[in-house]
Amino acid sequence: MSTTLEQVEKTAQLSKNNQLSLMIFQVQFPRSEVPPPYYGLNVFKVREVLEARAYEISPIPDANPLVEGMIELRGVYLPVIDLPKWMGFDMTDEEREKSIIIVADFSHIFVGLRVSHIHGVEEKNWTDIHPAGNYKVDVNTNQIINHTYLDNSETLCFILDIEKLLIEAMPTMAEKIFASAKDIKNSEKQVQFSPQVYEKTVLFAEDSQAIQKYMGMVFDNLKLKHKSFDNGRLLLDYIGSLESLDNISMVFTDLEMPVASGHTVIKELKLNPKTRHLPIIVHTSMTSDNNQREVLEMGADYFIGKVDTDLIVETITMVDKKLFQA
């Protein structure tokens, strides 16, 4: 699947209208009369779809059991994550032979995700994406971040917490991420901000609990007051409920969130005279140059790929200098 200019433009237009395209897939082959659940992944993160049988898996010594090994794709080696195993079941050899590998990009971390079947691509409005809840379907809710429904049906489609998957499948990467947050207070540089930054509160919207935990750790170790929200609408409603914004220093927002995406957060805050002065920092795994250009054109002030502790600290420092040290 090559990214064409038409695809890029279409994605940009969808984003600006609080919409997205989901690649719908299944991770199980049917083994009973009950069809296996459907799952969705933002097409913007998909780079290619491969027939698994065409690629040899090379084992990685001492790798996490969730990582099957590496495949070579045009001279680049990518880890392949056993998505079915993460979700609690194993494919047979025959099913593995028939399976598909989705090559996806998360903050420039390229991985292969093994799935059983690609159902297709559906366009959704972010208001059609709902926070995870209690389901009658047999699914592990700890792995689900949001849900929606397939077009023209009542069939559930779950959206997985891919950041949680990557942290569990690649513990070395996770250890490095959380260590970078912990090391802030032990840093030789000992970051110091203006008094106003410490007195005010940082707001951030993020639907991944794993990333919420990481960001909370970063802000705690920077000794900054902070308040988190599970989606963009909750953040916007909270800001709208405040009589004064004098105690808010800046806003961090993810882009992919249910109900109201980060694009909607940017649009509504910048259109409102009361809130347009608030610095907006986008913190996302959708890190293409086109995506960065798009959100900055919409009015975001800064753009950070998940998860870069040094860049978060650097960006807060820039906001501080611009607002309080000018």
C-alpha atoms as a PDB file:
ATOM      1  CA  MET A   1       0.000   0.000   0.000  1.00  0.00           C
ATOM      2  CA  SER A   2       1.844   3.096  -1.209  1.00  0.00           C
ATOM      3  CA  THR A   3       0.935   6.517   0.151  1.00  0.00           C
ATOM      4  CA  THR A   4      -0.177   8.711  -2.745  1.00  0.00           C
ATOM      5  CA  LEU A   5      -0.758  12.444  -2.744  1.00  0.00           C
ATOM      6  CA  GLU A   6      -4.481  11.729  -3.083  1.00  0.00           C
ATOM      7  CA  GLN A   7      -4.429   9.548   0.050  1.00  0.00           C
ATOM      8  CA  VAL A   8      -2.510  12.177   2.006  1.00  0.00           C
ATOM      9  CA  GLU A   9      -4.940  14.912   0.942  1.00  0.00           C
ATOM     10  CA  LYS A  10      -7.937  12.731   1.769  1.00  0.00           C
ATOM     11  CA  THR A  11      -6.535  11.953   5.213  1.00  0.00           C
ATOM     12  CA  ALA A  12      -5.901  15.644   5.865  1.00  0.00           C
ATOM     13  CA  GLN A  13      -9.459  16.560   4.909  1.00  0.00           C
ATOM     14  CA  LEU A  14     -10.906  13.793   7.075  1.00  0.00           C
ATOM     15  CA  SER A  15      -8.844  14.943  10.053  1.00  0.00           C
ATOM     16  CA  LYS A  16      -9.922  18.556   9.710  1.00  0.00           C
ATOM     17  CA  ASN A  17     -13.563  17.433   9.692  1.00  0.00           C
ATOM     18  CA  ASN A  18     -13.151  15.305  12.845  1.00  0.00           C
ATOM     19  CA  GLN A  19     -13.178  12.129  10.740  1.00  0.00           C
ATOM     20  CA  LEU A  20     -10.850   9.204  10.164  1.00  0.00           C
ATOM     21  CA  SER A  21     -10.512   6.085   8.035  1.00  0.00           C
ATOM     22  CA  LEU A  22     -10.320   2.781   9.901  1.00  0.00           C
ATOM     23  CA  MET A  23      -8.784  -0.385   8.502  1.00  0.00           C
ATOM     24  CA  ILE A  24     -11.080  -3.093   9.832  1.00  0.00           C
ATOM     25  CA  PHE A  25      -9.553  -6.505  10.550  1.00  0.00           C
ATOM     26  CA  GLN A  26      -9.955  -9.688  12.574  1.00  0.00           C
ATOM     27  CA  VAL A  27      -7.287 -11.483  14.549  1.00  0.00           C
ATOM     28  CA  GLN A  28      -9.073 -14.848  14.740  1.00  0.00           C
ATOM     29  CA  PHE A  29     -10.227 -17.261  12.042  1.00  0.00           C
ATOM     30  CA  PRO A  30     -13.807 -18.509  12.473  1.00  0.00           C
ATOM     31  CA  ARG A  31     -13.838 -21.729  14.522  1.00  0.00           C
ATOM     32  CA  SER A  32     -17.517 -21.746  15.445  1.00  0.00           C
ATOM     33  CA  GLU A  33     -20.834 -20.314  14.344  1.00  0.00           C
ATOM     34  CA  VAL A  34     -20.061 -17.146  16.288  1.00  0.00           C
ATOM     35  CA  PRO A  35     -17.951 -14.810  14.097  1.00  0.00           C
ATOM     36  CA  PRO A  36     -14.772 -13.487  15.726  1.00  0.00           C
ATOM     37  CA  PRO A  37     -14.695  -9.804  16.785  1.00  0.00           C
ATOM     38  CA  TYR A  38     -13.671  -6.975  14.481  1.00  0.00           C
ATOM     39  CA  TYR A  39     -10.958  -4.426  15.253  1.00  0.00           C
ATOM     40  CA  GLY A  40      -9.946  -1.117  13.713  1.00  0.00           C
ATOM     41  CA  LEU A  41      -6.657   0.721  13.107  1.00  0.00           C
ATOM     42  CA  ASN A  42      -6.336   4.266  11.792  1.00  0.00           C
ATOM     43  CA  VAL A  43      -5.363   3.947   8.128  1.00  0.00           C
ATOM     44  CA  PHE A  44      -2.975   6.874   8.635  1.00  0.00           C
ATOM     45  CA  LYS A  45      -0.737   4.501  10.647  1.00  0.00           C
ATOM     46  CA  VAL A  46      -0.809   1.699   8.084  1.00  0.00           C
ATOM     47  CA  ARG A  47       2.106   1.552   5.682  1.00  0.00           C
ATOM     48  CA  GLU A  48       1.577  -1.793   3.950  1.00  0.00           C
ATOM     49  CA  VAL A  49      -0.443  -4.992   4.099  1.00  0.00           C
ATOM     50  CA  LEU A  50       1.530  -8.175   3.451  1.00  0.00           C
ATOM     51  CA  GLU A  51       0.696 -11.826   2.886  1.00  0.00           C
ATOM     52  CA  ALA A  52       2.500 -13.478   5.781  1.00  0.00           C
ATOM     53  CA  ARG A  53       3.406 -16.603   3.792  1.00  0.00           C
ATOM     54  CA  ALA A  54       5.682 -14.514   1.549  1.00  0.00           C
ATOM     55  CA  TYR A  55       7.996 -13.476   4.398  1.00  0.00           C
ATOM     56  CA  GLU A  56      10.349 -15.618   6.444  1.00  0.00           C
ATOM     57  CA  ILE A  57      10.380 -14.891  10.174  1.00  0.00           C
ATOM     58  CA  SER A  58      13.885 -14.741  11.637  1.00  0.00           C
ATOM     59  CA  PRO A  59      13.928 -15.416  15.390  1.00  0.00           C
ATOM     60  CA  ILE A  60      15.289 -12.819  17.818  1.00  0.00           C
ATOM     61  CA  PRO A  61      17.269 -14.262  20.737  1.00  0.00           C
ATOM     62  CA  ASP A  62      15.754 -13.502  24.173  1.00  0.00           C
ATOM     63  CA  ALA A  63      12.841 -11.601  22.618  1.00  0.00           C
ATOM     64  CA  ASN A  64       9.534 -11.195  24.400  1.00  0.00           C
ATOM     65  CA  PRO A  65       7.165 -14.111  23.546  1.00  0.00           C
ATOM     66  CA  LEU A  66       4.829 -11.615  21.875  1.00  0.00           C
ATOM     67  CA  VAL A  67       7.513 -10.820  19.271  1.00  0.00           C
ATOM     68  CA  GLU A  68       7.672 -13.653  16.744  1.00  0.00           C
ATOM     69  CA  GLY A  69      10.877 -12.409  15.145  1.00  0.00           C
ATOM     70  CA  MET A  70      11.934 -10.136  12.305  1.00  0.00           C
ATOM     71  CA  ILE A  71      11.016  -9.925   8.635  1.00  0.00           C
ATOM     72  CA  GLU A  72      13.032  -8.182   5.948  1.00  0.00           C
ATOM     73  CA  LEU A  73      11.067  -5.680   3.887  1.00  0.00           C
ATOM     74  CA  ARG A  74      13.124  -4.056   1.109  1.00  0.00           C
ATOM     75  CA  GLY A  75      16.286  -4.103   3.186  1.00  0.00           C
ATOM     76  CA  VAL A  76      14.613  -2.987   6.427  1.00  0.00           C
ATOM     77  CA  TYR A  77      14.104  -5.395   9.332  1.00  0.00           C
ATOM     78  CA  LEU A  78      10.813  -5.134  11.204  1.00  0.00           C
ATOM     79  CA  PRO A  79       9.671  -6.935  14.367  1.00  0.00           C
ATOM     80  CA  VAL A  80       6.469  -8.930  13.938  1.00  0.00           C
ATOM     81  CA  ILE A  81       4.127  -8.910  16.924  1.00  0.00           C
ATOM     82  CA  ASP A  82       1.842 -11.873  17.526  1.00  0.00           C
ATOM     83  CA  LEU A  83      -1.397  -9.968  17.987  1.00  0.00           C
ATOM     84  CA  PRO A  84      -3.493 -13.126  18.505  1.00  0.00           C
ATOM     85  CA  LYS A  85      -1.210 -14.292  21.325  1.00  0.00           C
ATOM     86  CA  TRP A  86      -1.488 -10.875  23.029  1.00  0.00           C
ATOM     87  CA  MET A  87      -5.238 -11.321  22.892  1.00  0.00           C
ATOM     88  CA  GLY A  88      -5.138 -14.766  24.456  1.00  0.00           C
ATOM     89  CA  PHE A  89      -5.184 -17.429  21.760  1.00  0.00           C
ATOM     90  CA  ASP A  90      -2.875 -19.153  19.305  1.00  0.00           C
ATOM     91  CA  MET A  91      -3.152 -19.568  15.553  1.00  0.00           C
ATOM     92  CA  THR A  92      -2.699 -23.018  14.065  1.00  0.00           C
ATOM     93  CA  ASP A  93       0.098 -23.487  11.529  1.00  0.00           C
ATOM     94  CA  GLU A  94      -2.506 -23.491   8.758  1.00  0.00           C
ATOM     95  CA  GLU A  95      -4.071 -20.248  10.035  1.00  0.00           C
ATOM     96  CA  ARG A  96      -0.657 -18.639  10.346  1.00  0.00           C
ATOM     97  CA  GLU A  97       0.042 -19.565   6.723  1.00  0.00           C
ATOM     98  CA  LYS A  98      -3.159 -17.773   5.650  1.00  0.00           C
ATOM     99  CA  SER A  99      -2.639 -14.738   7.880  1.00  0.00           C
ATOM    100  CA  ILE A 100      -1.831 -11.120   7.055  1.00  0.00           C
ATOM    101  CA  ILE A 101       0.865  -8.811   8.433  1.00  0.00           C
ATOM    102  CA  ILE A 102      -0.076  -5.139   8.787  1.00  0.00           C
ATOM    103  CA  VAL A 103       2.999  -2.911   8.674  1.00  0.00           C
ATOM    104  CA  ALA A 104       2.254   0.077  10.898  1.00  0.00           C
ATOM    105  CA  ASP A 105       4.076   3.212  12.015  1.00  0.00           C
ATOM    106  CA  PHE A 106       3.806   4.407  15.618  1.00  0.00           C
ATOM    107  CA  SER A 107       5.998   7.459  16.270  1.00  0.00           C
ATOM    108  CA  HIS A 108       8.482   6.168  13.678  1.00  0.00           C
ATOM    109  CA  ILE A 109       8.528   2.738  15.333  1.00  0.00           C
ATOM    110  CA  PHE A 110       7.702   0.383  12.457  1.00  0.00           C
ATOM    111  CA  VAL A 111       6.206  -2.967  13.415  1.00  0.00           C
ATOM    112  CA  GLY A 112       4.354  -5.817  11.793  1.00  0.00           C
ATOM    113  CA  LEU A 113       1.049  -6.836  13.363  1.00  0.00           C
ATOM    114  CA  ARG A 114      -0.136 -10.353  12.516  1.00  0.00           C
ATOM    115  CA  VAL A 115      -3.903 -10.577  11.901  1.00  0.00           C
ATOM    116  CA  SER A 116      -6.140 -13.175  10.277  1.00  0.00           C
ATOM    117  CA  HIS A 117      -8.205 -11.152   7.830  1.00  0.00           C
ATOM    118  CA  ILE A 118      -8.661  -7.617   6.456  1.00  0.00           C
ATOM    119  CA  HIS A 119     -12.357  -6.753   6.317  1.00  0.00           C
ATOM    120  CA  GLY A 120     -11.930  -3.402   4.552  1.00  0.00           C
ATOM    121  CA  VAL A 121     -11.694   0.341   5.179  1.00  0.00           C
ATOM    122  CA  GLU A 122     -14.501   2.448   6.628  1.00  0.00           C
ATOM    123  CA  GLU A 123     -14.703   6.194   7.167  1.00  0.00           C
ATOM    124  CA  LYS A 124     -15.908   7.311  10.598  1.00  0.00           C
ATOM    125  CA  ASN A 125     -16.604  10.503  12.439  1.00  0.00           C
ATOM    126  CA  TRP A 126     -14.784  10.738  15.762  1.00  0.00           C
ATOM    127  CA  THR A 127     -18.178  11.231  17.388  1.00  0.00           C
ATOM    128  CA  ASP A 128     -18.879   7.627  16.287  1.00  0.00           C
ATOM    129  CA  ILE A 129     -15.871   6.430  18.285  1.00  0.00           C
ATOM    130  CA  HIS A 130     -16.840   5.700  21.882  1.00  0.00           C
ATOM    131  CA  PRO A 131     -14.745   5.072  25.007  1.00  0.00           C
ATOM    132  CA  ALA A 132     -14.279   1.453  26.030  1.00  0.00           C
ATOM    133  CA  GLY A 133     -17.062  -0.015  28.130  1.00  0.00           C
ATOM    134  CA  ASN A 134     -18.567  -3.300  29.253  1.00  0.00           C
ATOM    135  CA  TYR A 135     -19.270  -5.697  26.400  1.00  0.00           C
ATOM    136  CA  LYS A 136     -21.260  -8.896  26.057  1.00  0.00           C
ATOM    137  CA  VAL A 137     -18.742 -10.051  23.460  1.00  0.00           C
ATOM    138  CA  ASP A 138     -15.875 -12.146  24.837  1.00  0.00           C
ATOM    139  CA  VAL A 139     -13.027  -9.632  24.638  1.00  0.00           C
ATOM    140  CA  ASN A 140     -10.303  -8.475  27.002  1.00  0.00           C
ATOM    141  CA  THR A 141     -11.389  -4.952  27.898  1.00  0.00           C
ATOM    142  CA  ASN A 142      -7.918  -4.138  29.264  1.00  0.00           C
ATOM    143  CA  GLN A 143      -6.656  -4.158  25.678  1.00  0.00           C
ATOM    144  CA  ILE A 144      -9.473  -2.063  24.223  1.00  0.00           C
ATOM    145  CA  ILE A 145      -9.284   1.691  24.177  1.00  0.00           C
ATOM    146  CA  ASN A 146     -12.414   2.608  22.185  1.00  0.00           C
ATOM    147  CA  HIS A 147     -15.169   1.065  20.091  1.00  0.00           C
ATOM    148  CA  THR A 148     -17.430   1.854  17.173  1.00  0.00           C
ATOM    149  CA  TYR A 149     -19.781  -0.101  14.872  1.00  0.00           C
ATOM    150  CA  LEU A 150     -19.313  -1.421  11.369  1.00  0.00           C
ATOM    151  CA  ASP A 151     -21.108   0.572   8.688  1.00  0.00           C
ATOM    152  CA  ASN A 152     -24.861  -0.003   8.496  1.00  0.00           C
ATOM    153  CA  SER A 153     -24.838  -2.603  11.253  1.00  0.00           C
ATOM    154  CA  GLU A 154     -24.888  -3.179  14.998  1.00  0.00           C
ATOM    155  CA  THR A 155     -21.636  -5.158  14.800  1.00  0.00           C
ATOM    156  CA  LEU A 156     -19.083  -3.914  17.304  1.00  0.00           C
ATOM    157  CA  CYS A 157     -15.630  -2.896  16.122  1.00  0.00           C
ATOM    158  CA  PHE A 158     -13.004  -2.515  18.833  1.00  0.00           C
ATOM    159  CA  ILE A 159     -10.006  -0.205  18.748  1.00  0.00           C
ATOM    160  CA  LEU A 160      -7.002  -1.606  20.562  1.00  0.00           C
ATOM    161  CA  ASP A 161      -4.620   0.246  22.864  1.00  0.00           C
ATOM    162  CA  ILE A 162      -1.632  -0.215  20.559  1.00  0.00           C
ATOM    163  CA  GLU A 163       0.661   1.825  22.818  1.00  0.00           C
ATOM    164  CA  LYS A 164      -0.087  -0.662  25.607  1.00  0.00           C
ATOM    165  CA  LEU A 165       0.700  -3.515  23.222  1.00  0.00           C
ATOM    166  CA  LEU A 166       4.053  -2.016  22.227  1.00  0.00           C
ATOM    167  CA  ILE A 167       5.003  -1.411  25.853  1.00  0.00           C
ATOM    168  CA  GLU A 168       4.158  -5.027  26.761  1.00  0.00           C
ATOM    169  CA  ALA A 169       5.704  -6.586  23.642  1.00  0.00           C
ATOM    170  CA  MET A 170       8.888  -4.513  23.769  1.00  0.00           C
ATOM    171  CA  PRO A 171       9.740  -4.209  27.467  1.00  0.00           C
ATOM    172  CA  THR A 172      13.194  -2.813  26.728  1.00  0.00           C
ATOM    173  CA  MET A 173      11.584   0.094  24.889  1.00  0.00           C
ATOM    174  CA  ALA A 174       9.049   0.523  27.697  1.00  0.00           C
ATOM    175  CA  GLU A 175      11.789   0.473  30.319  1.00  0.00           C
ATOM    176  CA  LYS A 176      13.645   3.172  28.430  1.00  0.00           C
ATOM    177  CA  ILE A 177      10.502   5.302  28.105  1.00  0.00           C
ATOM    178  CA  PHE A 178       9.567   5.197  31.779  1.00  0.00           C
ATOM    179  CA  ALA A 179      13.206   5.472  32.875  1.00  0.00           C
ATOM    180  CA  SER A 180      13.480   8.711  30.881  1.00  0.00           C
ATOM    181  CA  ALA A 181      10.492  10.066  32.836  1.00  0.00           C
ATOM    182  CA  LYS A 182      11.951   8.969  36.180  1.00  0.00           C
ATOM    183  CA  ASP A 183      15.382  10.373  35.340  1.00  0.00           C
ATOM    184  CA  ILE A 184      14.090  13.933  35.022  1.00  0.00           C
ATOM    185  CA  LYS A 185      14.497  14.612  38.740  1.00  0.00           C
ATOM    186  CA  ASN A 186      17.960  13.027  38.705  1.00  0.00           C
ATOM    187  CA  SER A 187      19.103  14.930  35.647  1.00  0.00           C
ATOM    188  CA  GLU A 188      22.309  16.890  35.920  1.00  0.00           C
ATOM    189  CA  LYS A 189      20.600  19.784  34.176  1.00  0.00           C
ATOM    190  CA  GLN A 190      17.795  20.083  36.770  1.00  0.00           C
ATOM    191  CA  VAL A 191      15.179  21.898  34.695  1.00  0.00           C
ATOM    192  CA  GLN A 192      13.897  25.147  36.205  1.00  0.00           C
ATOM    193  CA  PHE A 193      10.837  27.011  34.978  1.00  0.00           C
ATOM    194  CA  SER A 194       9.380  30.397  35.781  1.00  0.00           C
ATOM    195  CA  PRO A 195       7.218  30.573  38.929  1.00  0.00           C
ATOM    196  CA  GLN A 196       4.102  30.982  36.759  1.00  0.00           C
ATOM    197  CA  VAL A 197       4.652  27.545  35.187  1.00  0.00           C
ATOM    198  CA  TYR A 198       4.715  25.912  38.622  1.00  0.00           C
ATOM    199  CA  GLU A 199       1.704  27.888  39.819  1.00  0.00           C
ATOM    200  CA  LYS A 200      -0.490  27.057  36.813  1.00  0.00           C
ATOM    201  CA  THR A 201      -1.852  23.679  35.645  1.00  0.00           C
ATOM    202  CA  VAL A 202      -1.016  21.690  32.525  1.00  0.00           C
ATOM    203  CA  LEU A 203      -4.058  20.066  30.901  1.00  0.00           C
ATOM    204  CA  PHE A 204      -3.678  17.015  28.707  1.00  0.00           C
ATOM    205  CA  ALA A 205      -6.043  14.790  26.719  1.00  0.00           C
ATOM    206  CA  GLU A 206      -4.934  11.204  26.076  1.00  0.00           C
ATOM    207  CA  ASP A 207      -7.055   8.078  25.742  1.00  0.00           C
ATOM    208  CA  SER A 208      -4.287   5.508  26.247  1.00  0.00           C
ATOM    209  CA  GLN A 209      -3.970   4.699  29.944  1.00  0.00           C
ATOM    210  CA  ALA A 210      -0.355   3.628  29.410  1.00  0.00           C
ATOM    211  CA  ILE A 211       0.558   7.008  27.900  1.00  0.00           C
ATOM    212  CA  GLN A 212      -1.471   8.850  30.550  1.00  0.00           C
ATOM    213  CA  LYS A 213       0.635   7.114  33.202  1.00  0.00           C
ATOM    214  CA  TYR A 214       3.846   8.077  31.403  1.00  0.00           C
ATOM    215  CA  MET A 215       2.848  11.734  30.955  1.00  0.00           C
ATOM    216  CA  GLY A 216       1.688  11.988  34.558  1.00  0.00           C
ATOM    217  CA  MET A 217       5.094  10.693  35.630  1.00  0.00           C
ATOM    218  CA  VAL A 218       6.850  13.301  33.473  1.00  0.00           C
ATOM    219  CA  PHE A 219       4.794  16.174  34.906  1.00  0.00           C
ATOM    220  CA  ASP A 220       5.128  14.876  38.478  1.00  0.00           C
ATOM    221  CA  ASN A 221       8.904  14.722  38.188  1.00  0.00           C
ATOM    222  CA  LEU A 222       8.943  18.214  36.728  1.00  0.00           C
ATOM    223  CA  LYS A 223       6.875  19.267  39.784  1.00  0.00           C
ATOM    224  CA  LEU A 224       4.118  20.606  37.520  1.00  0.00           C
ATOM    225  CA  LYS A 225       0.437  20.577  38.391  1.00  0.00           C
ATOM    226  CA  HIS A 226      -1.521  18.612  35.799  1.00  0.00           C
ATOM    227  CA  LYS A 227      -4.984  17.298  34.988  1.00  0.00           C
ATOM    228  CA  SER A 228      -5.733  14.519  32.489  1.00  0.00           C
ATOM    229  CA  PHE A 229      -8.766  13.778  30.307  1.00  0.00           C
ATOM    230  CA  ASP A 230      -9.672  10.569  28.453  1.00  0.00           C
ATOM    231  CA  ASN A 231     -10.769  12.370  25.294  1.00  0.00           C
ATOM    232  CA  GLY A 232     -10.876  15.752  23.611  1.00  0.00           C
ATOM    233  CA  ARG A 233     -14.490  16.520  24.481  1.00  0.00           C
ATOM    234  CA  LEU A 234     -13.893  16.084  28.218  1.00  0.00           C
ATOM    235  CA  LEU A 235     -10.952  18.479  27.959  1.00  0.00           C
ATOM    236  CA  LEU A 236     -12.971  21.049  25.998  1.00  0.00           C
ATOM    237  CA  ASP A 237     -15.929  20.793  28.378  1.00  0.00           C
ATOM    238  CA  TYR A 238     -13.654  21.326  31.374  1.00  0.00           C
ATOM    239  CA  ILE A 239     -12.042  24.398  29.822  1.00  0.00           C
ATOM    240  CA  GLY A 240     -15.487  25.703  28.915  1.00  0.00           C
ATOM    241  CA  SER A 241     -16.639  25.337  32.519  1.00  0.00           C
ATOM    242  CA  LEU A 242     -13.877  27.580  33.885  1.00  0.00           C
ATOM    243  CA  GLU A 243     -14.717  31.204  34.624  1.00  0.00           C
ATOM    244  CA  SER A 244     -11.071  32.147  34.170  1.00  0.00           C
ATOM    245  CA  LEU A 245      -8.145  30.496  32.398  1.00  0.00           C
ATOM    246  CA  ASP A 246      -5.554  32.322  34.485  1.00  0.00           C
ATOM    247  CA  ASN A 247      -4.557  29.071  36.203  1.00  0.00           C
ATOM    248  CA  ILE A 248      -3.982  27.095  32.974  1.00  0.00           C
ATOM    249  CA  SER A 249      -0.475  27.177  31.524  1.00  0.00           C
ATOM    250  CA  MET A 250      -0.769  25.005  28.388  1.00  0.00           C
ATOM    251  CA  VAL A 251      -2.661  22.153  26.741  1.00  0.00           C
ATOM    252  CA  PHE A 252      -1.236  18.848  25.526  1.00  0.00           C
ATOM    253  CA  THR A 253      -3.474  16.792  23.244  1.00  0.00           C
ATOM    254  CA  ASP A 254      -3.319  13.472  21.462  1.00  0.00           C
ATOM    255  CA  LEU A 255      -4.880  13.395  17.977  1.00  0.00           C
ATOM    256  CA  GLU A 256      -6.668  10.039  17.976  1.00  0.00           C
ATOM    257  CA  MET A 257      -9.380  10.199  20.637  1.00  0.00           C
ATOM    258  CA  PRO A 258     -13.059   9.261  20.841  1.00  0.00           C
ATOM    259  CA  VAL A 259     -15.892  11.795  20.679  1.00  0.00           C
ATOM    260  CA  ALA A 260     -13.595  14.725  19.810  1.00  0.00           C
ATOM    261  CA  SER A 261     -10.183  14.253  18.232  1.00  0.00           C
ATOM    262  CA  GLY A 262      -7.141  16.439  18.794  1.00  0.00           C
ATOM    263  CA  HIS A 263      -7.988  18.217  15.551  1.00  0.00           C
ATOM    264  CA  THR A 264     -11.290  19.296  17.097  1.00  0.00           C
ATOM    265  CA  VAL A 265      -9.478  20.409  20.264  1.00  0.00           C
ATOM    266  CA  ILE A 266      -7.182  22.613  18.186  1.00  0.00           C
ATOM    267  CA  LYS A 267     -10.008  23.992  16.061  1.00  0.00           C
ATOM    268  CA  GLU A 268     -12.344  24.859  18.952  1.00  0.00           C
ATOM    269  CA  LEU A 269      -9.679  26.355  21.209  1.00  0.00           C
ATOM    270  CA  LYS A 270      -8.221  28.529  18.452  1.00  0.00           C
ATOM    271  CA  LEU A 271     -11.610  29.744  17.192  1.00  0.00           C
ATOM    272  CA  ASN A 272     -12.712  30.859  20.662  1.00  0.00           C
ATOM    273  CA  PRO A 273     -11.360  34.312  21.627  1.00  0.00           C
ATOM    274  CA  LYS A 274     -11.352  33.225  25.274  1.00  0.00           C
ATOM    275  CA  THR A 275      -9.039  30.249  24.650  1.00  0.00           C
ATOM    276  CA  ARG A 276      -7.055  31.064  21.512  1.00  0.00           C
ATOM    277  CA  HIS A 277      -4.091  32.281  23.603  1.00  0.00           C
ATOM    278  CA  LEU A 278      -3.588  28.854  25.238  1.00  0.00           C
ATOM    279  CA  PRO A 279      -0.462  27.116  23.892  1.00  0.00           C
ATOM    280  CA  ILE A 280      -1.399  23.780  22.310  1.00  0.00           C
ATOM    281  CA  ILE A 281       1.151  20.969  22.141  1.00  0.00           C
ATOM    282  CA  VAL A 282       0.190  17.954  20.017  1.00  0.00           C
ATOM    283  CA  HIS A 283       1.561  14.693  21.441  1.00  0.00           C
ATOM    284  CA  THR A 284       0.878  11.895  18.965  1.00  0.00           C
ATOM    285  CA  SER A 285       2.112   8.686  17.385  1.00  0.00           C
ATOM    286  CA  MET A 286       0.933   9.997  13.991  1.00  0.00           C
ATOM    287  CA  THR A 287       4.272  11.585  13.250  1.00  0.00           C
ATOM    288  CA  SER A 288       4.480  12.032   9.477  1.00  0.00           C
ATOM    289  CA  ASP A 289       5.755  15.352   8.152  1.00  0.00           C
ATOM    290  CA  ASN A 290       2.395  15.916   6.489  1.00  0.00           C
ATOM    291  CA  ASN A 291       0.549  15.379   9.745  1.00  0.00           C
ATOM    292  CA  GLN A 292       2.848  17.779  11.582  1.00  0.00           C
ATOM    293  CA  ARG A 293       2.393  20.446   8.914  1.00  0.00           C
ATOM    294  CA  GLU A 294      -1.376  19.972   8.967  1.00  0.00           C
ATOM    295  CA  VAL A 295      -1.859  20.438  12.739  1.00  0.00           C
ATOM    296  CA  LEU A 296       0.498  23.419  12.855  1.00  0.00           C
ATOM    297  CA  GLU A 297      -1.493  25.034  10.032  1.00  0.00           C
ATOM    298  CA  MET A 298      -4.655  24.414  12.053  1.00  0.00           C
ATOM    299  CA  GLY A 299      -3.202  26.430  14.920  1.00  0.00           C
ATOM    300  CA  ALA A 300      -1.280  24.019  17.162  1.00  0.00           C
ATOM    301  CA  ASP A 301       1.842  25.668  18.561  1.00  0.00           C
ATOM    302  CA  TYR A 302       4.112  22.625  18.918  1.00  0.00           C
ATOM    303  CA  PHE A 303       4.252  19.017  17.717  1.00  0.00           C
ATOM    304  CA  ILE A 304       5.817  16.091  19.615  1.00  0.00           C
ATOM    305  CA  GLY A 305       5.937  12.438  18.634  1.00  0.00           C
ATOM    306  CA  LYS A 306       5.096   9.902  21.336  1.00  0.00           C
ATOM    307  CA  VAL A 307       7.014   9.417  23.567  1.00  0.00           C
ATOM    308  CA  ASP A 308       9.984  11.781  23.759  1.00  0.00           C
ATOM    309  CA  THR A 309      10.676  12.968  27.292  1.00  0.00           C
ATOM    310  CA  ASP A 310      13.499  15.312  26.327  1.00  0.00           C
ATOM    311  CA  LEU A 311      11.325  16.990  23.697  1.00  0.00           C
ATOM    312  CA  ILE A 312       8.429  17.370  26.135  1.00  0.00           C
ATOM    313  CA  VAL A 313      10.739  19.145  28.589  1.00  0.00           C
ATOM    314  CA  GLU A 314      12.246  21.231  25.779  1.00  0.00           C
ATOM    315  CA  THR A 315       8.794  22.250  24.533  1.00  0.00           C
ATOM    316  CA  ILE A 316       7.579  23.279  28.004  1.00  0.00           C
ATOM    317  CA  THR A 317      10.758  25.336  28.295  1.00  0.00           C
ATOM    318  CA  MET A 318       9.966  27.054  24.986  1.00  0.00           C
ATOM    319  CA  VAL A 319       6.408  27.827  26.128  1.00  0.00           C
ATOM    320  CA  ASP A 320       7.818  29.231  29.368  1.00  0.00           C
ATOM    321  CA  LYS A 321      10.292  31.496  27.567  1.00  0.00           C
ATOM    322  CA  LYS A 322       7.687  32.711  25.105  1.00  0.00           C
ATOM    323  CA  LEU A 323       4.965  33.473  27.656  1.00  0.00           C
ATOM    324  CA  PHE A 324       6.644  34.239  30.943  1.00  0.00           C
ATOM    325  CA  GLN A 325      10.198  35.293  30.159  1.00  0.00           C
ATOM    326  CA  ALA A 326       9.567  37.506  27.150  1.00  0.00           C
END
